[in-house]
Amino acid sequence: MDPVPSTRAHSPHLDAINLMLRDLHTRHDEIRHRAAFRGCTNELLTLQQELVNYLLDKKHSLLGLNPTQHDSIPNYNSFT
């Protein structure tokens, strides 16, 4: 279960970002099979990582944290 944020940082927007990040971190085999069939697996995984980076930046901004360096963010596509 996701940790409950403090009242100050709790918002529907932040909840939506956390849910989308969770979804992006979930392996979706059906979509990956379609991407493989269409020959766009690398593009799909690159786009997924770009979306994760964007959402993490947005989340940190809402929480008032410093922007992250994307080089230090783990690649969530490493399980390919």
C-alpha atoms as a PDB file:
ATOM      1  CA  MET A   1       0.000   0.000   0.000  1.00  0.00           C
ATOM      2  CA  ASP A   2       1.191   3.514  -0.752  1.00  0.00           C
ATOM      3  CA  PRO A   3       2.217   5.628   2.224  1.00  0.00           C
ATOM      4  CA  VAL A   4      -0.277   8.333   3.160  1.00  0.00           C
ATOM      5  CA  PRO A   5       1.247  11.779   2.582  1.00  0.00           C
ATOM      6  CA  SER A   6       0.978  14.544   5.138  1.00  0.00           C
ATOM      7  CA  THR A   7      -2.132  16.717   5.054  1.00  0.00           C
ATOM      8  CA  ARG A   8      -0.110  19.608   3.649  1.00  0.00           C
ATOM      9  CA  ALA A   9       0.989  17.641   0.593  1.00  0.00           C
ATOM     10  CA  HIS A  10      -2.161  15.533   0.121  1.00  0.00           C
ATOM     11  CA  SER A  11      -4.133  16.410  -2.968  1.00  0.00           C
ATOM     12  CA  PRO A  12      -6.107  14.636  -5.661  1.00  0.00           C
ATOM     13  CA  HIS A  13      -3.479  15.769  -8.183  1.00  0.00           C
ATOM     14  CA  LEU A  14      -0.696  14.160  -6.171  1.00  0.00           C
ATOM     15  CA  ASP A  15      -2.775  10.993  -5.760  1.00  0.00           C
ATOM     16  CA  ALA A  16      -3.275  10.841  -9.529  1.00  0.00           C
ATOM     17  CA  ILE A  17       0.467  11.241 -10.133  1.00  0.00           C
ATOM     18  CA  ASN A  18       1.240   8.446  -7.661  1.00  0.00           C
ATOM     19  CA  LEU A  19      -1.297   6.142  -9.315  1.00  0.00           C
ATOM     20  CA  MET A  20       0.085   6.853 -12.771  1.00  0.00           C
ATOM     21  CA  LEU A  21       3.650   6.221 -11.572  1.00  0.00           C
ATOM     22  CA  ARG A  22       2.508   2.929 -10.086  1.00  0.00           C
ATOM     23  CA  ASP A  23       0.891   2.000 -13.400  1.00  0.00           C
ATOM     24  CA  LEU A  24       4.006   2.949 -15.362  1.00  0.00           C
ATOM     25  CA  HIS A  25       6.081   0.752 -13.039  1.00  0.00           C
ATOM     26  CA  THR A  26       3.809  -2.220 -13.758  1.00  0.00           C
ATOM     27  CA  ARG A  27       4.792  -4.549 -16.549  1.00  0.00           C
ATOM     28  CA  HIS A  28       2.013  -4.683 -19.153  1.00  0.00           C
ATOM     29  CA  ASP A  29       2.781  -7.734 -21.257  1.00  0.00           C
ATOM     30  CA  GLU A  30      -0.098  -7.249 -23.707  1.00  0.00           C
ATOM     31  CA  ILE A  31       1.136  -3.781 -24.675  1.00  0.00           C
ATOM     32  CA  ARG A  32       4.740  -5.004 -24.847  1.00  0.00           C
ATOM     33  CA  HIS A  33       3.698  -7.821 -27.191  1.00  0.00           C
ATOM     34  CA  ARG A  34       1.900  -5.329 -29.426  1.00  0.00           C
ATOM     35  CA  ALA A  35       4.964  -3.079 -29.432  1.00  0.00           C
ATOM     36  CA  ALA A  36       7.181  -6.029 -30.361  1.00  0.00           C
ATOM     37  CA  PHE A  37       4.818  -6.975 -33.201  1.00  0.00           C
ATOM     38  CA  ARG A  38       4.868  -3.403 -34.501  1.00  0.00           C
ATOM     39  CA  GLY A  39       8.630  -3.051 -34.040  1.00  0.00           C
ATOM     40  CA  CYS A  40       8.497  -0.175 -31.569  1.00  0.00           C
ATOM     41  CA  THR A  41       9.606  -1.775 -28.286  1.00  0.00           C
ATOM     42  CA  ASN A  42      12.568   0.580 -27.767  1.00  0.00           C
ATOM     43  CA  GLU A  43      10.426   3.624 -28.494  1.00  0.00           C
ATOM     44  CA  LEU A  44       7.744   2.422 -26.073  1.00  0.00           C
ATOM     45  CA  LEU A  45      10.254   1.899 -23.268  1.00  0.00           C
ATOM     46  CA  THR A  46      11.929   5.245 -23.936  1.00  0.00           C
ATOM     47  CA  LEU A  47       8.564   6.993 -23.813  1.00  0.00           C
ATOM     48  CA  GLN A  48       7.677   5.173 -20.608  1.00  0.00           C
ATOM     49  CA  GLN A  49      10.885   6.381 -18.958  1.00  0.00           C
ATOM     50  CA  GLU A  50      10.276   9.953 -20.185  1.00  0.00           C
ATOM     51  CA  LEU A  51       6.798   9.861 -18.645  1.00  0.00           C
ATOM     52  CA  VAL A  52       8.187   8.562 -15.340  1.00  0.00           C
ATOM     53  CA  ASN A  53      10.763  11.374 -15.304  1.00  0.00           C
ATOM     54  CA  TYR A  54       8.094  13.987 -16.107  1.00  0.00           C
ATOM     55  CA  LEU A  55       5.736  12.728 -13.410  1.00  0.00           C
ATOM     56  CA  LEU A  56       8.510  12.564 -10.805  1.00  0.00           C
ATOM     57  CA  ASP A  57       9.441  16.176 -11.619  1.00  0.00           C
ATOM     58  CA  LYS A  58       5.794  17.215 -11.288  1.00  0.00           C
ATOM     59  CA  LYS A  59       5.442  15.316  -8.003  1.00  0.00           C
ATOM     60  CA  HIS A  60       8.587  16.909  -6.563  1.00  0.00           C
ATOM     61  CA  SER A  61       7.357  20.321  -7.656  1.00  0.00           C
ATOM     62  CA  LEU A  62       4.023  19.811  -5.876  1.00  0.00           C
ATOM     63  CA  LEU A  63       5.857  18.674  -2.753  1.00  0.00           C
ATOM     64  CA  GLY A  64       8.211  21.659  -2.884  1.00  0.00           C
ATOM     65  CA  LEU A  65      11.295  19.496  -3.345  1.00  0.00           C
ATOM     66  CA  ASN A  66      14.314  20.194  -5.517  1.00  0.00           C
ATOM     67  CA  PRO A  67      14.133  18.892  -9.070  1.00  0.00           C
ATOM     68  CA  THR A  68      15.801  15.538  -9.482  1.00  0.00           C
ATOM     69  CA  GLN A  69      18.717  14.602 -11.658  1.00  0.00           C
ATOM     70  CA  HIS A  70      17.387  12.001 -14.082  1.00  0.00           C
ATOM     71  CA  ASP A  71      20.772  10.292 -14.238  1.00  0.00           C
ATOM     72  CA  SER A  72      20.290   9.163 -10.637  1.00  0.00           C
ATOM     73  CA  ILE A  73      16.731   7.886 -11.219  1.00  0.00           C
ATOM     74  CA  PRO A  74      16.651   4.147 -11.790  1.00  0.00           C
ATOM     75  CA  ASN A  75      15.530   3.028 -15.207  1.00  0.00           C
ATOM     76  CA  TYR A  76      12.240   1.276 -14.619  1.00  0.00           C
ATOM     77  CA  ASN A  77      12.531  -0.513 -17.940  1.00  0.00           C
ATOM     78  CA  SER A  78      15.527  -2.536 -16.805  1.00  0.00           C
ATOM     79  CA  PHE A  79      13.342  -5.635 -16.435  1.00  0.00           C
ATOM     80  CA  THR A  80      12.917  -5.920 -20.214  1.00  0.00           C
END
